[in-house]
C-alpha atoms as a PDB file:
ATOM      1  CA  MET A   1      38.244   4.003  -4.607  1.00  0.00           C
ATOM      2  CA  PRO A   2      36.340   4.435  -1.387  1.00  0.00           C
ATOM      3  CA  PRO A   3      35.328   1.459   0.617  1.00  0.00           C
ATOM      4  CA  ASN A   4      32.109  -0.292  -0.713  1.00  0.00           C
ATOM      5  CA  HIS A   5      32.051   2.049  -3.690  1.00  0.00           C
ATOM      6  CA  GLN A   6      31.250  -0.816  -5.954  1.00  0.00           C
ATOM      7  CA  ALA A   7      28.631  -2.180  -3.622  1.00  0.00           C
ATOM      8  CA  ARG A   8      26.912   1.299  -3.434  1.00  0.00           C
ATOM      9  CA  THR A   9      27.115   1.565  -7.230  1.00  0.00           C
ATOM     10  CA  SER A  10      25.427  -1.641  -7.570  1.00  0.00           C
ATOM     11  CA  HIS A  11      22.783  -0.674  -5.078  1.00  0.00           C
ATOM     12  CA  ASP A  12      22.325   2.715  -6.832  1.00  0.00           C
ATOM     13  CA  GLU A  13      21.449   0.837 -10.142  1.00  0.00           C
ATOM     14  CA  GLU A  14      19.424  -1.856  -8.192  1.00  0.00           C
ATOM     15  CA  TYR A  15      17.065   0.680  -6.582  1.00  0.00           C
ATOM     16  CA  GLU A  16      16.857   2.725  -9.706  1.00  0.00           C
ATOM     17  CA  ASP A  17      15.674  -0.268 -11.518  1.00  0.00           C
ATOM     18  CA  LEU A  18      13.381  -1.098  -8.713  1.00  0.00           C
ATOM     19  CA  LEU A  19      11.663   2.248  -8.843  1.00  0.00           C
ATOM     20  CA  GLY A  20      11.300   1.975 -12.592  1.00  0.00           C
ATOM     21  CA  LEU A  21       9.797  -1.472 -12.422  1.00  0.00           C
ATOM     22  CA  TRP A  22       7.083  -0.284  -9.860  1.00  0.00           C
ATOM     23  CA  GLY A  23       6.213   2.633 -12.114  1.00  0.00           C
ATOM     24  CA  ASP A  24       6.080   0.315 -15.176  1.00  0.00           C
ATOM     25  CA  LEU A  25       3.842  -2.143 -13.336  1.00  0.00           C
ATOM     26  CA  GLU A  26       1.422   0.672 -12.277  1.00  0.00           C
ATOM     27  CA  SER A  27       1.278   2.038 -15.792  1.00  0.00           C
ATOM     28  CA  GLY A  28       0.703  -1.253 -17.325  1.00  0.00           C
ATOM     29  CA  LEU A  29      -2.055  -2.051 -14.903  1.00  0.00           C
ATOM     30  CA  SER A  30      -3.593   1.306 -15.689  1.00  0.00           C
ATOM     31  CA  VAL A  31      -3.728   0.360 -19.412  1.00  0.00           C
ATOM     32  CA  LEU A  32      -5.185  -3.081 -18.613  1.00  0.00           C
ATOM     33  CA  LEU A  33      -7.996  -1.788 -16.366  1.00  0.00           C
ATOM     34  CA  ALA A  34      -8.864   1.239 -18.288  1.00  0.00           C
ATOM     35  CA  ARG A  35      -9.862  -0.601 -21.531  1.00  0.00           C
ATOM     36  CA  PRO A  36     -10.088  -4.399 -20.709  1.00  0.00           C
ATOM     37  CA  LEU A  37     -12.358  -5.447 -23.522  1.00  0.00           C
ATOM     38  CA  HIS A  38      -9.516  -4.294 -25.851  1.00  0.00           C
ATOM     39  CA  VAL A  39      -6.840  -6.392 -24.277  1.00  0.00           C
ATOM     40  CA  GLN A  40      -5.704  -9.592 -25.873  1.00  0.00           C
ATOM     41  CA  ASP A  41      -5.324 -12.549 -23.531  1.00  0.00           C
ATOM     42  CA  PHE A  42      -6.494 -10.623 -20.437  1.00  0.00           C
ATOM     43  CA  ALA A  43      -5.945 -13.412 -18.009  1.00  0.00           C
ATOM     44  CA  GLY A  44      -2.474 -14.046 -19.223  1.00  0.00           C
ATOM     45  CA  LYS A  45      -1.776 -10.376 -18.704  1.00  0.00           C
ATOM     46  CA  VAL A  46      -3.063 -10.363 -15.350  1.00  0.00           C
ATOM     47  CA  ARG A  47      -0.962 -13.419 -14.429  1.00  0.00           C
ATOM     48  CA  GLN A  48       2.105 -11.681 -15.796  1.00  0.00           C
ATOM     49  CA  PHE A  49       1.496  -8.546 -13.602  1.00  0.00           C
ATOM     50  CA  ASP A  50       0.929 -10.769 -10.656  1.00  0.00           C
ATOM     51  CA  GLN A  51       4.288 -12.505 -11.101  1.00  0.00           C
ATOM     52  CA  TRP A  52       6.019  -9.288 -11.647  1.00  0.00           C
ATOM     53  CA  LEU A  53       4.377  -7.937  -8.295  1.00  0.00           C
ATOM     54  CA  GLN A  54       5.648 -11.260  -6.459  1.00  0.00           C
ATOM     55  CA  ASP A  55       9.129 -10.678  -7.777  1.00  0.00           C
ATOM     56  CA  LEU A  56       9.228  -7.023  -6.678  1.00  0.00           C
ATOM     57  CA  VAL A  57       7.913  -7.826  -3.065  1.00  0.00           C
ATOM     58  CA  THR A  58      10.302 -10.760  -2.655  1.00  0.00           C
ATOM     59  CA  HIS A  59      13.290  -8.507  -3.567  1.00  0.00           C
ATOM     60  CA  ASP A  60      12.768  -6.119  -0.583  1.00  0.00           C
ATOM     61  CA  ILE A  61       9.478  -6.022   1.167  1.00  0.00           C
ATOM     62  CA  ASP A  62      10.198  -2.659   2.870  1.00  0.00           C
ATOM     63  CA  ALA A  63      11.442  -1.129  -0.318  1.00  0.00           C
ATOM     64  CA  ALA A  64       8.474  -2.444  -2.298  1.00  0.00           C
ATOM     65  CA  LEU A  65       6.090  -1.008   0.314  1.00  0.00           C
ATOM     66  CA  TYR A  66       7.758   2.419   0.346  1.00  0.00           C
ATOM     67  CA  LEU A  67       7.655   2.666  -3.377  1.00  0.00           C
ATOM     68  CA  MET A  68       4.142   1.302  -3.863  1.00  0.00           C
ATOM     69  CA  PHE A  69       2.647   3.724  -1.329  1.00  0.00           C
ATOM     70  CA  GLN A  70       4.829   6.632  -2.751  1.00  0.00           C
ATOM     71  CA  LEU A  71       3.663   6.056  -6.263  1.00  0.00           C
ATOM     72  CA  ALA A  72       0.027   5.531  -5.326  1.00  0.00           C
ATOM     73  CA  ALA A  73       0.173   8.925  -3.418  1.00  0.00           C
ATOM     74  CA  THR A  74       1.657  10.821  -6.482  1.00  0.00           C
ATOM     75  CA  SER A  75       0.071   8.701  -9.179  1.00  0.00           C
ATOM     76  CA  THR A  76      -0.315  10.205 -12.681  1.00  0.00           C
ATOM     77  CA  VAL A  77      -2.137   7.243 -13.996  1.00  0.00           C
ATOM     78  CA  GLY A  78      -5.272   7.550 -11.808  1.00  0.00           C
ATOM     79  CA  TYR A  79      -6.544   6.389  -8.338  1.00  0.00           C
ATOM     80  CA  SER A  80      -8.202   3.096  -9.477  1.00  0.00           C
ATOM     81  CA  ALA A  81      -5.009   1.541 -10.884  1.00  0.00           C
ATOM     82  CA  SER A  82      -2.825   2.667  -7.920  1.00  0.00           C
ATOM     83  CA  HIS A  83      -5.592   1.357  -5.471  1.00  0.00           C
ATOM     84  CA  ALA A  84      -5.618  -1.907  -7.208  1.00  0.00           C
ATOM     85  CA  LEU A  85      -1.747  -2.273  -7.097  1.00  0.00           C
ATOM     86  CA  VAL A  86      -1.862  -1.440  -3.367  1.00  0.00           C
ATOM     87  CA  CYS A  87      -4.522  -3.908  -2.706  1.00  0.00           C
ATOM     88  CA  GLY A  88      -2.908  -6.660  -4.898  1.00  0.00           C
ATOM     89  CA  THR A  89       0.410  -6.206  -3.078  1.00  0.00           C
ATOM     90  CA  LEU A  90      -1.150  -6.351   0.484  1.00  0.00           C
ATOM     91  CA  CYS A  91      -3.133  -9.330  -0.529  1.00  0.00           C
ATOM     92  CA  HIS A  92       0.004 -11.199  -1.658  1.00  0.00           C
ATOM     93  CA  ILE A  93       1.605 -10.290   1.664  1.00  0.00           C
ATOM     94  CA  MET A  94      -1.344 -11.298   3.700  1.00  0.00           C
ATOM     95  CA  ALA A  95      -1.822 -14.528   1.717  1.00  0.00           C
ATOM     96  CA  ARG A  96       1.644 -15.549   2.901  1.00  0.00           C
ATOM     97  CA  GLU A  97       0.905 -14.556   6.521  1.00  0.00           C
ATOM     98  CA  PHE A  98      -2.209 -16.789   6.562  1.00  0.00           C
ATOM     99  CA  GLU A  99      -0.303 -19.563   4.668  1.00  0.00           C
ATOM    100  CA  LEU A 100      -3.157 -19.670   2.007  1.00  0.00           C
ATOM    101  CA  PRO A 101      -2.934 -22.481  -0.597  1.00  0.00           C
ATOM    102  CA  SER A 102      -1.860 -21.361  -3.969  1.00  0.00           C
ATOM    103  CA  SER A 103      -5.347 -21.570  -5.521  1.00  0.00           C
ATOM    104  CA  GLU A 104      -6.761 -19.333  -2.993  1.00  0.00           C
ATOM    105  CA  ARG A 105      -3.760 -16.980  -2.923  1.00  0.00           C
ATOM    106  CA  ASN A 106      -3.934 -16.523  -6.870  1.00  0.00           C
ATOM    107  CA  ALA A 107      -7.649 -15.957  -6.709  1.00  0.00           C
ATOM    108  CA  LEU A 108      -7.241 -13.363  -3.998  1.00  0.00           C
ATOM    109  CA  VAL A 109      -4.431 -11.360  -5.603  1.00  0.00           C
ATOM    110  CA  ARG A 110      -5.976 -11.397  -9.056  1.00  0.00           C
ATOM    111  CA  ALA A 111      -9.452 -10.383  -7.642  1.00  0.00           C
ATOM    112  CA  ALA A 112      -7.797  -7.454  -5.776  1.00  0.00           C
ATOM    113  CA  LEU A 113      -6.250  -6.254  -9.111  1.00  0.00           C
ATOM    114  CA  THR A 114      -9.690  -6.327 -10.968  1.00  0.00           C
ATOM    115  CA  MET A 115     -12.290  -5.922  -8.352  1.00  0.00           C
ATOM    116  CA  ASN A 116     -13.215  -2.445  -9.465  1.00  0.00           C
ATOM    117  CA  ILE A 117     -12.821  -3.064 -13.184  1.00  0.00           C
ATOM    118  CA  GLY A 118     -16.651  -2.192 -13.477  1.00  0.00           C
ATOM    119  CA  MET A 119     -16.058   1.371 -12.381  1.00  0.00           C
ATOM    120  CA  THR A 120     -12.321   2.309 -13.257  1.00  0.00           C
ATOM    121  CA  THR A 121     -13.248   5.550 -14.664  1.00  0.00           C
ATOM    122  CA  LEU A 122     -15.788   6.536 -12.096  1.00  0.00           C
ATOM    123  CA  GLN A 123     -13.349   5.538  -9.253  1.00  0.00           C
ATOM    124  CA  ASP A 124     -10.783   8.011 -10.647  1.00  0.00           C
ATOM    125  CA  GLU A 125     -13.460  10.657 -10.941  1.00  0.00           C
ATOM    126  CA  LEU A 126     -14.574  10.095  -7.385  1.00  0.00           C
ATOM    127  CA  ALA A 127     -11.111  10.427  -5.950  1.00  0.00           C
ATOM    128  CA  GLY A 128     -10.818  13.737  -7.543  1.00  0.00           C
ATOM    129  CA  GLN A 129     -13.990  15.303  -6.561  1.00  0.00           C
ATOM    130  CA  ARG A 130     -14.688  17.061  -3.261  1.00  0.00           C
ATOM    131  CA  GLU A 131     -18.527  16.663  -3.185  1.00  0.00           C
ATOM    132  CA  PRO A 132     -20.370  13.431  -2.216  1.00  0.00           C
ATOM    133  CA  PRO A 133     -21.351  11.045  -4.995  1.00  0.00           C
ATOM    134  CA  ASN A 134     -24.377  12.091  -6.792  1.00  0.00           C
ATOM    135  CA  ALA A 135     -27.432   9.669  -7.370  1.00  0.00           C
ATOM    136  CA  ALA A 136     -26.159   8.310 -10.671  1.00  0.00           C
ATOM    137  CA  GLN A 137     -22.690   7.614  -9.020  1.00  0.00           C
ATOM    138  CA  LYS A 138     -24.118   5.952  -6.052  1.00  0.00           C
ATOM    139  CA  ASP A 139     -25.973   3.519  -8.348  1.00  0.00           C
ATOM    140  CA  ALA A 140     -22.862   2.791 -10.392  1.00  0.00           C
ATOM    141  CA  ILE A 141     -20.928   2.129  -7.094  1.00  0.00           C
ATOM    142  CA  ALA A 142     -23.712  -0.282  -5.931  1.00  0.00           C
ATOM    143  CA  THR A 143     -23.766  -2.285  -9.054  1.00  0.00           C
ATOM    144  CA  HIS A 144     -20.037  -2.225  -9.939  1.00  0.00           C
ATOM    145  CA  PRO A 145     -19.189  -5.689  -8.323  1.00  0.00           C
ATOM    146  CA  MET A 146     -21.686  -7.614 -10.705  1.00  0.00           C
ATOM    147  CA  ARG A 147     -20.698  -5.331 -13.651  1.00  0.00           C
ATOM    148  CA  GLY A 148     -17.023  -6.273 -12.960  1.00  0.00           C
ATOM    149  CA  LEU A 149     -17.934  -9.958 -12.838  1.00  0.00           C
ATOM    150  CA  ASP A 150     -19.731  -9.689 -16.079  1.00  0.00           C
ATOM    151  CA  ILE A 151     -16.774  -7.950 -17.786  1.00  0.00           C
ATOM    152  CA  LEU A 152     -14.525 -10.643 -16.517  1.00  0.00           C
ATOM    153  CA  GLU A 153     -16.679 -13.371 -17.903  1.00  0.00           C
ATOM    154  CA  GLN A 154     -16.607 -11.551 -21.234  1.00  0.00           C
ATOM    155  CA  LEU A 155     -12.838 -11.628 -20.969  1.00  0.00           C
ATOM    156  CA  HIS A 156     -13.057 -15.410 -20.673  1.00  0.00           C
ATOM    157  CA  ILE A 157     -12.037 -15.544 -16.937  1.00  0.00           C
ATOM    158  CA  THR A 158     -13.233 -18.975 -15.793  1.00  0.00           C
ATOM    159  CA  ASN A 159     -11.711 -19.299 -12.305  1.00  0.00           C
ATOM    160  CA  ASP A 160     -14.924 -19.459 -10.196  1.00  0.00           C
ATOM    161  CA  LEU A 161     -13.366 -18.330  -6.973  1.00  0.00           C
ATOM    162  CA  TRP A 162     -11.828 -15.113  -8.736  1.00  0.00           C
ATOM    163  CA  LEU A 163     -15.184 -14.302 -10.258  1.00  0.00           C
ATOM    164  CA  ASP A 164     -17.073 -14.925  -6.997  1.00  0.00           C
ATOM    165  CA  LEU A 165     -14.808 -12.715  -5.053  1.00  0.00           C
ATOM    166  CA  VAL A 166     -15.088  -9.847  -7.534  1.00  0.00           C
ATOM    167  CA  GLY A 167     -18.937 -10.300  -7.572  1.00  0.00           C
ATOM    168  CA  GLN A 168     -19.301 -10.043  -3.787  1.00  0.00           C
ATOM    169  CA  HIS A 169     -16.154  -8.016  -2.697  1.00  0.00           C
ATOM    170  CA  HIS A 170     -18.279  -5.476  -0.824  1.00  0.00           C
ATOM    171  CA  ALA A 171     -20.241  -8.134   1.077  1.00  0.00           C
ATOM    172  CA  ARG A 172     -19.457  -8.047   4.893  1.00  0.00           C
ATOM    173  CA  VAL A 173     -18.599 -11.397   6.219  1.00  0.00           C
ATOM    174  CA  PRO A 174     -19.146 -11.740   9.976  1.00  0.00           C
ATOM    175  CA  GLU A 175     -15.892 -10.900  11.599  1.00  0.00           C
ATOM    176  CA  ARG A 176     -16.539 -12.986  14.738  1.00  0.00           C
ATOM    177  CA  THR A 177     -16.107 -16.210  12.735  1.00  0.00           C
ATOM    178  CA  PRO A 178     -12.595 -17.442  12.513  1.00  0.00           C
ATOM    179  CA  LEU A 179     -11.145 -17.415   9.077  1.00  0.00           C
ATOM    180  CA  ALA A 180     -10.436 -21.110   9.234  1.00  0.00           C
ATOM    181  CA  GLU A 181     -14.113 -21.827   9.779  1.00  0.00           C
ATOM    182  CA  LEU A 182     -15.269 -20.003   6.704  1.00  0.00           C
ATOM    183  CA  SER A 183     -15.671 -21.349   3.184  1.00  0.00           C
ATOM    184  CA  PRO A 184     -12.863 -20.322   0.747  1.00  0.00           C
ATOM    185  CA  VAL A 185     -14.884 -17.451  -0.878  1.00  0.00           C
ATOM    186  CA  ASP A 186     -16.040 -16.053   2.453  1.00  0.00           C
ATOM    187  CA  ARG A 187     -12.520 -16.385   3.983  1.00  0.00           C
ATOM    188  CA  LEU A 188     -11.083 -14.407   0.972  1.00  0.00           C
ATOM    189  CA  THR A 189     -13.885 -11.859   0.617  1.00  0.00           C
ATOM    190  CA  ARG A 190     -13.170 -10.835   4.367  1.00  0.00           C
ATOM    191  CA  ILE A 191      -9.417 -10.498   3.657  1.00  0.00           C
ATOM    192  CA  LEU A 192      -9.962  -8.648   0.489  1.00  0.00           C
ATOM    193  CA  GLY A 193     -12.643  -6.258   2.174  1.00  0.00           C
ATOM    194  CA  THR A 194     -10.261  -5.477   5.099  1.00  0.00           C
ATOM    195  CA  ILE A 195      -7.419  -4.683   2.707  1.00  0.00           C
ATOM    196  CA  ASP A 196      -9.639  -2.551   0.484  1.00  0.00           C
ATOM    197  CA  ARG A 197     -10.833  -0.518   3.541  1.00  0.00           C
ATOM    198  CA  TYR A 198      -7.274  -0.198   4.835  1.00  0.00           C
ATOM    199  CA  ALA A 199      -5.906   0.896   1.381  1.00  0.00           C
ATOM    200  CA  ALA A 200      -8.551   3.565   0.911  1.00  0.00           C
ATOM    201  CA  MET A 201      -7.988   4.774   4.559  1.00  0.00           C
ATOM    202  CA  ILE A 202      -4.386   5.544   4.005  1.00  0.00           C
ATOM    203  CA  SER A 203      -4.599   6.730   0.286  1.00  0.00           C
ATOM    204  CA  PRO A 204      -5.080  10.531  -0.286  1.00  0.00           C
ATOM    205  CA  ARG A 205      -8.175  11.883  -1.818  1.00  0.00           C
ATOM    206  CA  LYS A 206      -9.094  15.550  -2.276  1.00  0.00           C
ATOM    207  CA  SER A 207     -12.183  14.969  -0.088  1.00  0.00           C
ATOM    208  CA  ARG A 208     -10.228  13.663   2.827  1.00  0.00           C
ATOM    209  CA  ALA A 209      -7.346  14.858   5.120  1.00  0.00           C
ATOM    210  CA  GLY A 210      -4.953  12.611   7.083  1.00  0.00           C
ATOM    211  CA  ARG A 211      -6.193  10.750   9.987  1.00  0.00           C
ATOM    212  CA  SER A 212      -4.683   9.886  13.290  1.00  0.00           C
ATOM    213  CA  THR A 213      -3.025   6.519  13.806  1.00  0.00           C
ATOM    214  CA  THR A 214      -5.142   5.799  16.952  1.00  0.00           C
ATOM    215  CA  ASP A 215      -8.558   6.660  15.053  1.00  0.00           C
ATOM    216  CA  SER A 216      -7.501   4.618  11.988  1.00  0.00           C
ATOM    217  CA  VAL A 217      -6.344   1.493  14.118  1.00  0.00           C
ATOM    218  CA  ARG A 218      -9.638   1.814  16.186  1.00  0.00           C
ATOM    219  CA  GLU A 219     -11.882   1.713  12.886  1.00  0.00           C
ATOM    220  CA  LEU A 220      -9.823  -1.001  11.262  1.00  0.00           C
ATOM    221  CA  VAL A 221      -9.606  -3.563  14.119  1.00  0.00           C
ATOM    222  CA  GLY A 222     -12.592  -2.517  16.274  1.00  0.00           C
ATOM    223  CA  LYS A 223     -12.639  -0.939  19.621  1.00  0.00           C
ATOM    224  CA  GLU A 224     -13.590  -3.886  21.848  1.00  0.00           C
ATOM    225  CA  VAL A 225     -11.925  -7.333  22.064  1.00  0.00           C
ATOM    226  CA  GLU A 226     -15.009  -9.067  20.819  1.00  0.00           C
ATOM    227  CA  GLU A 227     -15.308  -6.821  17.810  1.00  0.00           C
ATOM    228  CA  ARG A 228     -11.745  -7.183  16.569  1.00  0.00           C
ATOM    229  CA  ASP A 229     -11.224  -8.302  12.991  1.00  0.00           C
ATOM    230  CA  GLU A 230      -8.673 -11.178  12.758  1.00  0.00           C
ATOM    231  CA  VAL A 231      -7.653  -9.862   9.394  1.00  0.00           C
ATOM    232  CA  GLY A 232      -7.035  -6.295  10.532  1.00  0.00           C
ATOM    233  CA  LEU A 233      -5.009  -7.233  13.439  1.00  0.00           C
ATOM    234  CA  VAL A 234      -2.637  -9.378  11.170  1.00  0.00           C
ATOM    235  CA  LEU A 235      -2.467  -6.652   8.628  1.00  0.00           C
ATOM    236  CA  VAL A 236      -1.571  -3.988  11.043  1.00  0.00           C
ATOM    237  CA  ARG A 237       0.960  -6.280  12.708  1.00  0.00           C
ATOM    238  CA  THR A 238       2.476  -7.189   9.387  1.00  0.00           C
ATOM    239  CA  VAL A 239       2.828  -3.987   7.530  1.00  0.00           C
ATOM    240  CA  GLY A 240       1.951  -1.472  10.092  1.00  0.00           C
ATOM    241  CA  LEU A 241      -0.730   1.176  10.185  1.00  0.00           C
ATOM    242  CA  CYS A 242       1.777   3.592   8.876  1.00  0.00           C
ATOM    243  CA  PRO A 243       3.763   1.468   6.337  1.00  0.00           C
ATOM    244  CA  PRO A 244       6.880   2.440   4.555  1.00  0.00           C
ATOM    245  CA  GLY A 245       6.001   5.243   2.060  1.00  0.00           C
ATOM    246  CA  THR A 246       3.442   6.843   4.107  1.00  0.00           C
ATOM    247  CA  PHE A 247       3.839  10.343   5.934  1.00  0.00           C
ATOM    248  CA  VAL A 248       3.419  10.877   9.622  1.00  0.00           C
ATOM    249  CA  ARG A 249       3.671  13.777  12.046  1.00  0.00           C
ATOM    250  CA  LEU A 250       5.977  13.167  15.202  1.00  0.00           C
ATOM    251  CA  ASP A 251       5.291  14.352  18.625  1.00  0.00           C
ATOM    252  CA  ASN A 252       8.186  16.627  18.420  1.00  0.00           C
ATOM    253  CA  GLY A 253       6.362  18.523  15.500  1.00  0.00           C
ATOM    254  CA  ASP A 254       8.468  17.202  12.630  1.00  0.00           C
ATOM    255  CA  ILE A 255       6.856  15.673   9.389  1.00  0.00           C
ATOM    256  CA  ALA A 256       8.431  12.471   8.541  1.00  0.00           C
ATOM    257  CA  VAL A 257       8.206   9.637   6.020  1.00  0.00           C
ATOM    258  CA  VAL A 258       8.281   6.069   7.074  1.00  0.00           C
ATOM    259  CA  LEU A 259      11.191   4.171   5.689  1.00  0.00           C
ATOM    260  CA  ARG A 260      11.241   0.520   7.071  1.00  0.00           C
ATOM    261  CA  ARG A 261       9.215  -1.481   9.584  1.00  0.00           C
ATOM    262  CA  SER A 262      10.520  -2.610  12.910  1.00  0.00           C
ATOM    263  CA  ASP A 263       9.666  -5.668  15.134  1.00  0.00           C
ATOM    264  CA  LYS A 264       6.903  -3.609  16.703  1.00  0.00           C
ATOM    265  CA  ALA A 265       3.899  -2.547  14.554  1.00  0.00           C
ATOM    266  CA  ASN A 266       3.526   1.265  14.264  1.00  0.00           C
ATOM    267  CA  MET A 267       6.982   1.845  15.646  1.00  0.00           C
ATOM    268  CA  PRO A 268       8.829   1.967  12.254  1.00  0.00           C
ATOM    269  CA  LEU A 269      12.035   3.773  11.185  1.00  0.00           C
ATOM    270  CA  VAL A 270      11.205   7.277  10.043  1.00  0.00           C
ATOM    271  CA  ALA A 271      13.129  10.225   8.389  1.00  0.00           C
ATOM    272  CA  SER A 272      12.259  13.671   9.436  1.00  0.00           C
ATOM    273  CA  LEU A 273      11.848  15.964   6.391  1.00  0.00           C
ATOM    274  CA  VAL A 274      10.244  19.248   7.865  1.00  0.00           C
ATOM    275  CA  ASP A 275      10.709  20.655  11.261  1.00  0.00           C
ATOM    276  CA  ARG A 276       8.108  21.970  13.790  1.00  0.00           C
ATOM    277  CA  HIS A 277       8.412  25.330  12.174  1.00  0.00           C
ATOM    278  CA  ASN A 278       7.406  23.934   8.742  1.00  0.00           C
ATOM    279  CA  THR A 279      11.038  24.396   7.516  1.00  0.00           C
ATOM    280  CA  PRO A 280      12.388  21.735   5.160  1.00  0.00           C
ATOM    281  CA  LEU A 281      15.575  20.032   6.596  1.00  0.00           C
ATOM    282  CA  ASN A 282      18.806  20.072   4.724  1.00  0.00           C
ATOM    283  CA  ALA A 283      19.056  16.363   5.131  1.00  0.00           C
ATOM    284  CA  PRO A 284      16.675  13.826   6.613  1.00  0.00           C
ATOM    285  CA  ARG A 285      17.030  12.960  10.322  1.00  0.00           C
ATOM    286  CA  LEU A 286      16.577   9.253  11.131  1.00  0.00           C
ATOM    287  CA  HIS A 287      14.542   8.220  14.052  1.00  0.00           C
ATOM    288  CA  GLN A 288      13.999   4.617  15.271  1.00  0.00           C
ATOM    289  CA  THR A 289      10.664   5.221  16.972  1.00  0.00           C
ATOM    290  CA  VAL A 290      10.684   1.922  18.599  1.00  0.00           C
ATOM    291  CA  HIS A 291      13.604   3.222  20.885  1.00  0.00           C
ATOM    292  CA  GLY A 292      11.639   5.936  22.394  1.00  0.00           C
ATOM    293  CA  ARG A 293      10.845   9.547  21.298  1.00  0.00           C
ATOM    294  CA  PRO A 294       9.981  10.997  18.945  1.00  0.00           C
ATOM    295  CA  ARG A 295       6.903   8.921  18.523  1.00  0.00           C
ATOM    296  CA  ILE A 296       4.474   8.925  15.747  1.00  0.00           C
ATOM    297  CA  GLN A 297       1.555  11.326  16.579  1.00  0.00           C
ATOM    298  CA  SER A 298      -0.723  11.105  13.486  1.00  0.00           C
ATOM    299  CA  ALA A 299      -0.831   9.979   9.899  1.00  0.00           C
ATOM    300  CA  LEU A 300      -0.668  12.561   7.082  1.00  0.00           C
ATOM    301  CA  ALA A 301      -2.154  12.394   3.618  1.00  0.00           C
ATOM    302  CA  ARG A 302       0.379  13.105   0.830  1.00  0.00           C
ATOM    303  CA  ASN A 303      -1.096  16.475  -0.023  1.00  0.00           C
ATOM    304  CA  ALA A 304      -0.286  17.713   3.499  1.00  0.00           C
ATOM    305  CA  VAL A 305       3.446  17.428   2.629  1.00  0.00           C
ATOM    306  CA  THR A 306       4.976  19.754   0.195  1.00  0.00           C
ATOM    307  CA  VAL A 307       8.703  18.462  -0.018  1.00  0.00           C
ATOM    308  CA  GLU A 308       9.694  16.390  -2.893  1.00  0.00           C
ATOM    309  CA  LEU A 309      11.617  13.165  -2.245  1.00  0.00           C
ATOM    310  CA  ASN A 310      14.275  11.364  -4.099  1.00  0.00           C
ATOM    311  CA  HIS A 311      12.870   7.894  -3.686  1.00  0.00           C
ATOM    312  CA  ARG A 312      16.075   5.969  -4.450  1.00  0.00           C
ATOM    313  CA  THR A 313      17.940   7.964  -1.962  1.00  0.00           C
ATOM    314  CA  MET A 314      15.131   7.264   0.778  1.00  0.00           C
ATOM    315  CA  VAL A 315      15.068   3.530   0.101  1.00  0.00           C
ATOM    316  CA  ARG A 316      18.833   3.389   0.210  1.00  0.00           C
ATOM    317  CA  LEU A 317      18.966   5.361   3.487  1.00  0.00           C
ATOM    318  CA  GLY A 318      16.322   3.050   5.023  1.00  0.00           C
ATOM    319  CA  LEU A 319      18.464   0.224   3.874  1.00  0.00           C
ATOM    320  CA  TYR A 320      21.505   1.657   5.279  1.00  0.00           C
ATOM    321  CA  ALA A 321      19.929   2.366   8.684  1.00  0.00           C
ATOM    322  CA  ALA A 322      18.584  -1.222   8.797  1.00  0.00           C
ATOM    323  CA  THR A 323      22.104  -2.645   8.170  1.00  0.00           C
ATOM    324  CA  GLN A 324      24.053  -0.072  10.261  1.00  0.00           C
ATOM    325  CA  PRO A 325      21.778   0.700  13.257  1.00  0.00           C
ATOM    326  CA  GLY A 326      24.466   1.913  15.320  1.00  0.00           C
ATOM    327  CA  GLN A 327      25.027   4.823  12.821  1.00  0.00           C
ATOM    328  CA  ILE A 328      21.616   6.308  13.331  1.00  0.00           C
ATOM    329  CA  ALA A 329      22.253   8.642  16.278  1.00  0.00           C
ATOM    330  CA  GLY A 330      25.135  10.143  14.240  1.00  0.00           C
ATOM    331  CA  LEU A 331      23.178  10.776  11.299  1.00  0.00           C
ATOM    332  CA  GLN A 332      20.508  12.479  13.282  1.00  0.00           C
ATOM    333  CA  ALA A 333      22.635  14.976  15.007  1.00  0.00           C
ATOM    334  CA  THR A 334      25.630  15.828  13.046  1.00  0.00           C
ATOM    335  CA  GLN A 335      25.823  15.467   9.195  1.00  0.00           C
ATOM    336  CA  PRO A 336      23.914  14.481   6.205  1.00  0.00           C
ATOM    337  CA  ALA A 337      23.784  10.781   5.690  1.00  0.00           C
ATOM    338  CA  PRO A 338      26.578   9.387   3.614  1.00  0.00           C
ATOM    339  CA  LEU A 339      23.993   7.967   1.000  1.00  0.00           C
ATOM    340  CA  LEU A 340      22.485  11.346   0.224  1.00  0.00           C
END
């Protein structure tokens, strides 16, 4: 038996299960949001999904981010549920970064999962159309926060902070005021609003192409020091502008997928998939961008990438590179990675 065969078999099953669990979570959330008034014990179901989400992130945060963003980019259940899952996951991560008390953390994550419950079908439609929203759609967009609050009240949600967050999640709270000086509802509204914009920015839609990393960072955190959003800065520092699971173009011309974060935001471990001539590679080439070239040149939307990925393989490859950093150069230049 080859060395580590048993461990690798265990990892195979572990990450196969992880992929399946993320898919099940996305599918279950889709059903919950599509027909909420037909769900028995809606609040209990949301709590179950929240706990499930926490368990998956705790298992391996980089693997969780990779699978979450990949599933969101290729979702078969609709943009609305995928966006809700991305926002809920990022809110959970940010709640830990800001050391929020459990009452605020729970309200934040559950509001993220349900904030668009007043326009689930419309949100799916908007993600698939190329033309701007029409007058009726604009009206529905404008009124959906209060519509969502009304639906949650019909579903016997009684947590005032959760309800208030959904009702005002599009309100813009002044970014110059430190989070610690805001009321709980305003503090969480600002966190949720930043994450909502971030998730929309990096998620593909038919009406939008990929955006450059520089432009996206500038919009998210502000051009000038006095404009910078405290939440945006922490978000980018924590998960990166190009988090695991998103696609990038490198300055050597390659198209790559981000596998894992590094100690420096926006300098992650990536795997080249397509070369500068637009030819798919026989095996991924790993690059630790934190060590120098190649560097990330721009972010890409999923529809700009034609290759299909084996997600279990990519997650395991990222884990292997993280635990065996000295092997990366050999994997780049000579032979396919041993985990492929």
